Amino acid sequence: MTRMSTHPVALLLTSVFLAGCFQTIAIKTMAGIMDYGFEAFNEESDTQLAKEGLGSNLKLIEALIKGDPDNEKLLIYASQGYNAYALAFVEDDSVERARPLYLRGRDYALRILMQKSGFKSGMNGDLESFQKAVGTLTKEDVPAAFWTAFGWGSHINLSRTDPEALAYLPRAEALMDFVRRTDSTYYFGGAHLFLGTIEGSMPAVLGGRPEKAKQFFETSLSIGGGKFLMTYFYYAKTYAVQVQDQQLFESLLAKVIDAPADILPSAKFPNAVAKQKARRLLAKANELF
C-alpha cells in the first residue's frame, strides 16, 4: 500500500494547490452571487441608494478579478458597472472625471475580446483590419462587444474637441453595429439607441444623418416596448435638438418624466436616471431652441 508523502515540501505544495483551488471556487461562487446583485441593482429606483451600493461593489468586483483575471462574468459586471456609474453619477457634473471612468468600463469588456485570437490580431491595425477583426466575433461575444463600444463611444462623445479621440469613433460604431446585426434585442435594443445617438449628435453638414437617427431610435423603442426610458431621453437630446423640433423634444421628455417608476421592473435604475436627466434637459429648452 502506497503511503502519502509527508515530506514538508510535498505538504506545502499540496496546501498551495488546494488553497488555489478553494480560491477559484470561492471567486466563481461570488461571481454567481453577483448575478443577483446586478439584478437587484437594476431593479433599484432610489438612485442615491444605488450610487452608495455600486461604488463599493465595483471595488469588490475588481478584487475578485485580481484573483481570476479571465473571469468573463466578472469582467462584464465591472464594465457595465463603471459605464453605469459614469453615466448616472458623474458625467453631468464632471466630464473630466467621467472620461477615464468610461475608458475603465471599456477596457474591462475589451479584455474579453482580446482573448479571441482573431480579434486581437486586428485590434491595433488600421480601420479595415479592425473591421475584419470584428467580423470574427460570434453571438457569445455580444455582451463584451456592447459594453466595450458603450464605454468607448461615451468617452468619445465627451471628447468631441479631441481629434485623436474622434478618430476611434468608427471602431466603436463597428462593434456596436456587430451587436445590432447579431442580437438587436440585447440590453433593450441598446445598439440601436447607441447608433441613433451617434447619428443624431452629428450635424448634417458634418455627415450626420438625422433621419437615420430617427429610424434607430424608433427601432430601439419598438424592441423595448416603449418602456426603456433612456431611449426617449437621447431621442430628445440628439435628434429633436438637431432638427429643432421643440414640440417633439418636449413630448419625448414628458413621456420619460410621466412614466410610472415601475414601467419596466428590470430597469428601474436606468429609468430613474433617465427621469433625472430628462428634468435637467427640459429646464434647458430655451437655450436649445
Protein backbone atom coordinates (compact mmCIF):
# COMPACT_ATOMS: atom_id res chain seq x y z
CA MET A 1 0.00 0.00 0.00
CA THR A 2 1.42 3.38 -1.04
CA ARG A 3 1.61 5.94 1.73
CA MET A 4 1.03 9.65 1.08
CA SER A 5 4.28 11.58 1.29
CA THR A 6 4.77 13.55 4.47
CA HIS A 7 7.79 15.42 3.16
CA PRO A 8 7.44 19.11 4.17
CA VAL A 9 7.87 20.38 0.58
CA ALA A 10 5.22 17.99 -0.70
CA LEU A 11 2.82 19.04 2.03
CA LEU A 12 3.49 22.71 1.26
CA LEU A 13 2.86 22.24 -2.46
CA THR A 14 -0.32 20.31 -1.74
CA SER A 15 -1.52 23.08 0.58
CA VAL A 16 -0.79 25.76 -2.01
CA PHE A 17 -2.59 23.77 -4.71
CA LEU A 18 -5.66 23.23 -2.52
CA ALA A 19 -5.69 26.86 -1.45
CA GLY A 20 -5.63 27.90 -5.10
CA CYS A 21 -8.50 25.54 -5.90
CA PHE A 22 -10.57 26.82 -2.98
CA GLN A 23 -9.88 30.43 -4.02
CA THR A 24 -11.00 29.75 -7.58
CA ILE A 25 -14.16 28.04 -6.36
CA ALA A 26 -14.87 30.92 -3.98
CA ILE A 27 -14.41 33.53 -6.72
CA LYS A 28 -16.66 31.65 -9.15
CA THR A 29 -19.27 31.35 -6.40
CA MET A 30 -19.08 35.08 -5.76
CA ALA A 31 -19.39 35.75 -9.49
CA GLY A 32 -22.60 33.74 -9.43
CA ILE A 33 -23.89 35.77 -6.50
CA MET A 34 -23.15 38.93 -8.48
CA ASP A 35 -25.87 37.83 -10.91
CA TYR A 36 -28.40 38.52 -8.18
CA GLY A 37 -26.55 41.65 -7.09
CA PHE A 38 -26.73 43.31 -10.50
CA GLU A 39 -30.30 42.18 -10.96
CA ALA A 40 -31.19 43.87 -7.66
CA PHE A 41 -29.17 46.95 -8.65
CA ASN A 42 -31.06 47.37 -11.93
CA GLU A 43 -34.35 46.98 -10.07
CA GLU A 44 -33.49 49.82 -7.64
CA SER A 45 -35.37 53.07 -8.29
CA ASP A 46 -33.69 55.04 -5.49
CA THR A 47 -30.66 56.43 -7.32
CA GLN A 48 -28.89 57.57 -4.14
CA LEU A 49 -29.12 54.09 -2.67
CA ALA A 50 -27.91 52.64 -5.96
CA LYS A 51 -24.96 55.03 -6.00
CA GLU A 52 -23.86 54.06 -2.50
CA GLY A 53 -24.05 50.36 -3.32
CA LEU A 54 -22.48 50.46 -6.77
CA GLY A 55 -19.23 52.16 -5.76
CA SER A 56 -18.36 49.61 -3.07
CA ASN A 57 -19.45 46.67 -5.22
CA LEU A 58 -17.21 47.80 -8.07
CA LYS A 59 -14.16 47.62 -5.83
CA LEU A 60 -15.24 44.15 -4.68
CA ILE A 61 -15.57 43.04 -8.29
CA GLU A 62 -12.12 44.39 -9.07
CA ALA A 63 -10.68 42.48 -6.12
CA LEU A 64 -12.29 39.29 -7.42
CA ILE A 65 -10.90 39.95 -10.90
CA LYS A 66 -7.41 40.14 -9.45
CA GLY A 67 -7.91 36.58 -8.23
CA ASP A 68 -9.46 35.38 -11.50
CA PRO A 69 -8.33 37.78 -14.28
CA ASP A 70 -10.07 35.95 -17.13
CA ASN A 71 -13.48 35.54 -15.49
CA GLU A 72 -15.76 36.86 -18.22
CA LYS A 73 -18.77 37.28 -15.97
CA LEU A 74 -16.81 39.49 -13.57
CA LEU A 75 -15.25 41.47 -16.43
CA ILE A 76 -18.71 42.20 -17.88
CA TYR A 77 -20.02 43.29 -14.48
CA ALA A 78 -17.03 45.58 -13.99
CA SER A 79 -17.53 47.10 -17.43
CA GLN A 80 -21.26 47.56 -17.01
CA GLY A 81 -20.77 48.95 -13.52
CA TYR A 82 -18.20 51.58 -14.46
CA ASN A 83 -20.20 52.63 -17.51
CA ALA A 84 -23.35 52.94 -15.39
CA TYR A 85 -21.54 54.87 -12.65
CA ALA A 86 -20.09 57.37 -15.13
CA LEU A 87 -23.41 57.85 -16.93
CA ALA A 88 -25.63 58.12 -13.86
CA PHE A 89 -23.48 59.90 -11.32
CA VAL A 90 -20.51 61.64 -12.90
CA GLU A 91 -20.79 62.96 -16.46
CA ASP A 92 -23.39 65.65 -15.73
CA ASP A 93 -21.16 67.17 -13.05
CA SER A 94 -17.62 66.41 -14.20
CA VAL A 95 -16.79 65.48 -17.78
CA GLU A 96 -13.10 65.28 -16.87
CA ARG A 97 -13.81 62.65 -14.23
CA ALA A 98 -16.28 60.74 -16.40
CA ARG A 99 -13.92 60.21 -19.35
CA PRO A 100 -11.46 57.87 -17.58
CA LEU A 101 -14.33 56.01 -15.90
CA TYR A 102 -15.82 55.25 -19.32
CA LEU A 103 -12.42 54.06 -20.51
CA ARG A 104 -12.17 51.80 -17.48
CA GLY A 105 -15.56 50.37 -18.39
CA ARG A 106 -14.43 49.88 -21.97
CA ASP A 107 -11.20 48.18 -21.00
CA TYR A 108 -12.75 45.54 -18.75
CA ALA A 109 -15.03 44.31 -21.54
CA LEU A 110 -12.24 44.69 -24.11
CA ARG A 111 -10.15 42.21 -22.12
CA ILE A 112 -12.67 39.53 -23.07
CA LEU A 113 -12.46 40.38 -26.77
CA MET A 114 -8.67 40.42 -26.63
CA GLN A 115 -8.74 36.77 -25.59
CA LYS A 116 -10.05 35.99 -29.09
CA SER A 117 -7.08 35.50 -31.40
CA GLY A 118 -8.99 36.64 -34.48
CA PHE A 119 -9.96 39.91 -32.83
CA LYS A 120 -6.65 40.58 -31.09
CA SER A 121 -4.72 40.43 -34.35
CA GLY A 122 -6.63 43.37 -35.82
CA MET A 123 -7.25 45.46 -32.72
CA ASN A 124 -4.33 47.84 -33.24
CA GLY A 125 -4.29 47.81 -37.03
CA ASP A 126 -5.96 50.23 -39.42
CA LEU A 127 -9.75 50.57 -39.60
CA GLU A 128 -10.10 47.91 -42.28
CA SER A 129 -8.12 45.43 -40.18
CA PHE A 130 -10.23 46.29 -37.15
CA GLN A 131 -13.47 45.75 -39.07
CA LYS A 132 -12.20 42.36 -40.24
CA ALA A 133 -11.37 41.52 -36.62
CA VAL A 134 -14.92 42.43 -35.56
CA GLY A 135 -16.12 40.06 -38.29
CA THR A 136 -14.53 37.13 -36.42
CA LEU A 137 -16.72 37.66 -33.35
CA THR A 138 -19.70 35.41 -32.62
CA LYS A 139 -23.01 35.78 -30.79
CA GLU A 140 -21.39 34.84 -27.47
CA ASP A 141 -19.25 37.96 -27.82
CA VAL A 142 -22.25 40.33 -27.94
CA PRO A 143 -22.11 41.45 -24.26
CA ALA A 144 -18.38 42.19 -24.41
CA ALA A 145 -18.72 43.99 -27.74
CA PHE A 146 -21.67 46.05 -26.48
CA TRP A 147 -20.04 47.26 -23.27
CA THR A 148 -16.69 47.87 -24.99
CA ALA A 149 -18.44 50.05 -27.58
CA PHE A 150 -20.60 51.74 -24.96
CA GLY A 151 -17.64 52.85 -22.87
CA TRP A 152 -15.58 53.77 -25.91
CA GLY A 153 -18.38 55.72 -27.58
CA SER A 154 -19.33 57.51 -24.38
CA HIS A 155 -15.72 58.60 -23.84
CA ILE A 156 -15.56 59.87 -27.42
CA ASN A 157 -18.87 61.71 -27.01
CA LEU A 158 -17.35 63.63 -24.09
CA SER A 159 -14.17 64.32 -26.09
CA ARG A 160 -15.59 65.87 -29.26
CA THR A 161 -12.92 68.59 -29.34
CA ASP A 162 -10.17 65.94 -29.33
CA PRO A 163 -9.37 64.78 -32.91
CA GLU A 164 -7.42 61.78 -31.61
CA ALA A 165 -10.43 60.50 -29.64
CA LEU A 166 -12.83 61.17 -32.54
CA ALA A 167 -10.62 59.11 -34.85
CA TYR A 168 -11.67 56.00 -32.92
CA LEU A 169 -15.41 56.57 -33.34
CA PRO A 170 -15.66 54.28 -36.42
CA ARG A 171 -14.26 51.44 -34.30
CA ALA A 172 -16.85 51.89 -31.59
CA GLU A 173 -19.53 52.06 -34.29
CA ALA A 174 -18.21 48.86 -35.91
CA LEU A 175 -18.51 46.98 -32.63
CA MET A 176 -22.00 48.30 -31.93
CA ASP A 177 -23.13 47.55 -35.47
CA PHE A 178 -21.95 43.98 -34.90
CA VAL A 179 -24.24 43.85 -31.84
CA ARG A 180 -27.13 45.32 -33.85
CA ARG A 181 -26.73 42.72 -36.59
CA THR A 182 -26.11 39.79 -34.25
CA ASP A 183 -28.56 40.40 -31.39
CA SER A 184 -30.51 43.62 -31.85
CA THR A 185 -32.55 42.98 -28.70
CA TYR A 186 -29.55 42.98 -26.35
CA TYR A 187 -29.97 45.46 -23.47
CA PHE A 188 -33.39 46.72 -24.58
CA GLY A 189 -32.26 47.46 -28.13
CA GLY A 190 -29.22 49.31 -26.83
CA ALA A 191 -27.27 49.04 -30.08
CA HIS A 192 -29.97 50.98 -31.94
CA LEU A 193 -30.05 53.56 -29.12
CA PHE A 194 -26.27 53.99 -29.31
CA LEU A 195 -26.19 54.33 -33.09
CA GLY A 196 -29.16 56.71 -33.06
CA THR A 197 -27.35 58.89 -30.54
CA ILE A 198 -24.23 58.99 -32.71
CA GLU A 199 -26.17 59.90 -35.86
CA GLY A 200 -28.38 62.36 -34.02
CA SER A 201 -25.48 64.14 -32.31
CA MET A 202 -23.67 64.99 -35.52
CA PRO A 203 -24.86 67.93 -37.66
CA ALA A 204 -25.87 67.00 -41.20
CA VAL A 205 -23.17 69.30 -42.61
CA LEU A 206 -20.57 67.13 -40.82
CA GLY A 207 -22.01 63.85 -42.04
CA GLY A 208 -24.79 63.30 -39.52
CA ARG A 209 -27.94 61.60 -40.76
CA PRO A 210 -30.91 62.80 -38.69
CA GLU A 211 -33.46 60.57 -40.43
CA LYS A 212 -31.23 57.55 -39.88
CA ALA A 213 -31.01 58.52 -36.21
CA LYS A 214 -34.82 58.68 -36.03
CA GLN A 215 -35.02 55.21 -37.53
CA PHE A 216 -32.58 53.81 -34.97
CA PHE A 217 -34.48 55.39 -32.07
CA GLU A 218 -37.84 54.14 -33.28
CA THR A 219 -36.45 50.61 -33.66
CA SER A 220 -34.98 50.76 -30.15
CA LEU A 221 -38.33 51.91 -28.75
CA SER A 222 -40.08 49.07 -30.57
CA ILE A 223 -37.67 46.49 -29.17
CA GLY A 224 -38.06 47.86 -25.63
CA GLY A 225 -41.81 48.15 -25.91
CA GLY A 226 -41.50 51.89 -25.25
CA LYS A 227 -40.58 51.11 -21.64
CA PHE A 228 -36.84 51.73 -21.62
CA LEU A 229 -36.94 55.45 -20.93
CA MET A 230 -33.33 56.28 -21.74
CA THR A 231 -34.23 55.90 -25.43
CA TYR A 232 -36.76 58.74 -25.25
CA PHE A 233 -34.19 60.90 -23.45
CA TYR A 234 -31.48 60.54 -26.08
CA TYR A 235 -34.05 60.80 -28.88
CA ALA A 236 -34.93 64.25 -27.48
CA LYS A 237 -31.38 65.29 -26.64
CA THR A 238 -29.95 64.49 -30.05
CA TYR A 239 -32.45 64.14 -32.90
CA ALA A 240 -35.11 66.60 -31.68
CA VAL A 241 -32.50 69.25 -30.95
CA GLN A 242 -30.65 68.63 -34.19
CA VAL A 243 -33.78 69.13 -36.33
CA GLN A 244 -35.01 71.90 -34.00
CA ASP A 245 -38.36 70.24 -33.26
CA GLN A 246 -39.24 71.66 -29.85
CA GLN A 247 -42.67 70.05 -29.78
CA LEU A 248 -41.15 66.61 -30.26
CA PHE A 249 -38.43 67.45 -27.72
CA GLU A 250 -40.96 68.30 -25.03
CA SER A 251 -43.22 65.36 -25.91
CA LEU A 252 -40.39 62.83 -25.63
CA LEU A 253 -39.19 64.20 -22.31
CA ALA A 254 -42.73 64.28 -20.95
CA LYS A 255 -43.02 60.56 -21.67
CA VAL A 256 -39.93 59.97 -19.54
CA ILE A 257 -40.97 62.21 -16.68
CA ASP A 258 -44.59 61.00 -16.55
CA ALA A 259 -43.86 57.28 -16.89
CA PRO A 260 -44.53 55.10 -13.81
CA ALA A 261 -41.39 54.24 -11.85
CA ASP A 262 -42.12 50.54 -12.34
CA ILE A 263 -42.94 50.68 -16.05
CA LEU A 264 -40.05 48.23 -16.61
CA PRO A 265 -39.25 46.45 -13.32
CA SER A 266 -35.97 45.01 -14.59
CA ALA A 267 -34.73 48.50 -15.49
CA LYS A 268 -35.96 50.70 -12.65
CA PHE A 269 -32.49 52.14 -12.10
CA PRO A 270 -31.70 53.26 -15.67
CA ASN A 271 -35.25 54.55 -15.96
CA ALA A 272 -34.86 56.56 -12.74
CA VAL A 273 -31.63 58.03 -14.12
CA ALA A 274 -33.43 58.87 -17.38
CA LYS A 275 -36.07 60.76 -15.40
CA GLN A 276 -33.44 62.84 -13.62
CA LYS A 277 -31.67 63.63 -16.88
CA ALA A 278 -34.95 64.46 -18.62
CA ARG A 279 -35.90 67.05 -15.99
CA ARG A 280 -32.49 68.73 -16.27
CA LEU A 281 -32.64 68.76 -20.07
CA LEU A 282 -36.20 70.13 -20.17
CA ALA A 283 -35.09 73.03 -17.97
CA LYS A 284 -32.61 73.99 -20.73
CA ALA A 285 -35.20 74.10 -23.52
CA ASN A 286 -34.93 77.87 -24.00
CA GLU A 287 -31.19 77.54 -24.57
CA LEU A 288 -31.62 74.78 -27.15
CA PHE A 289 -34.42 76.26 -29.28
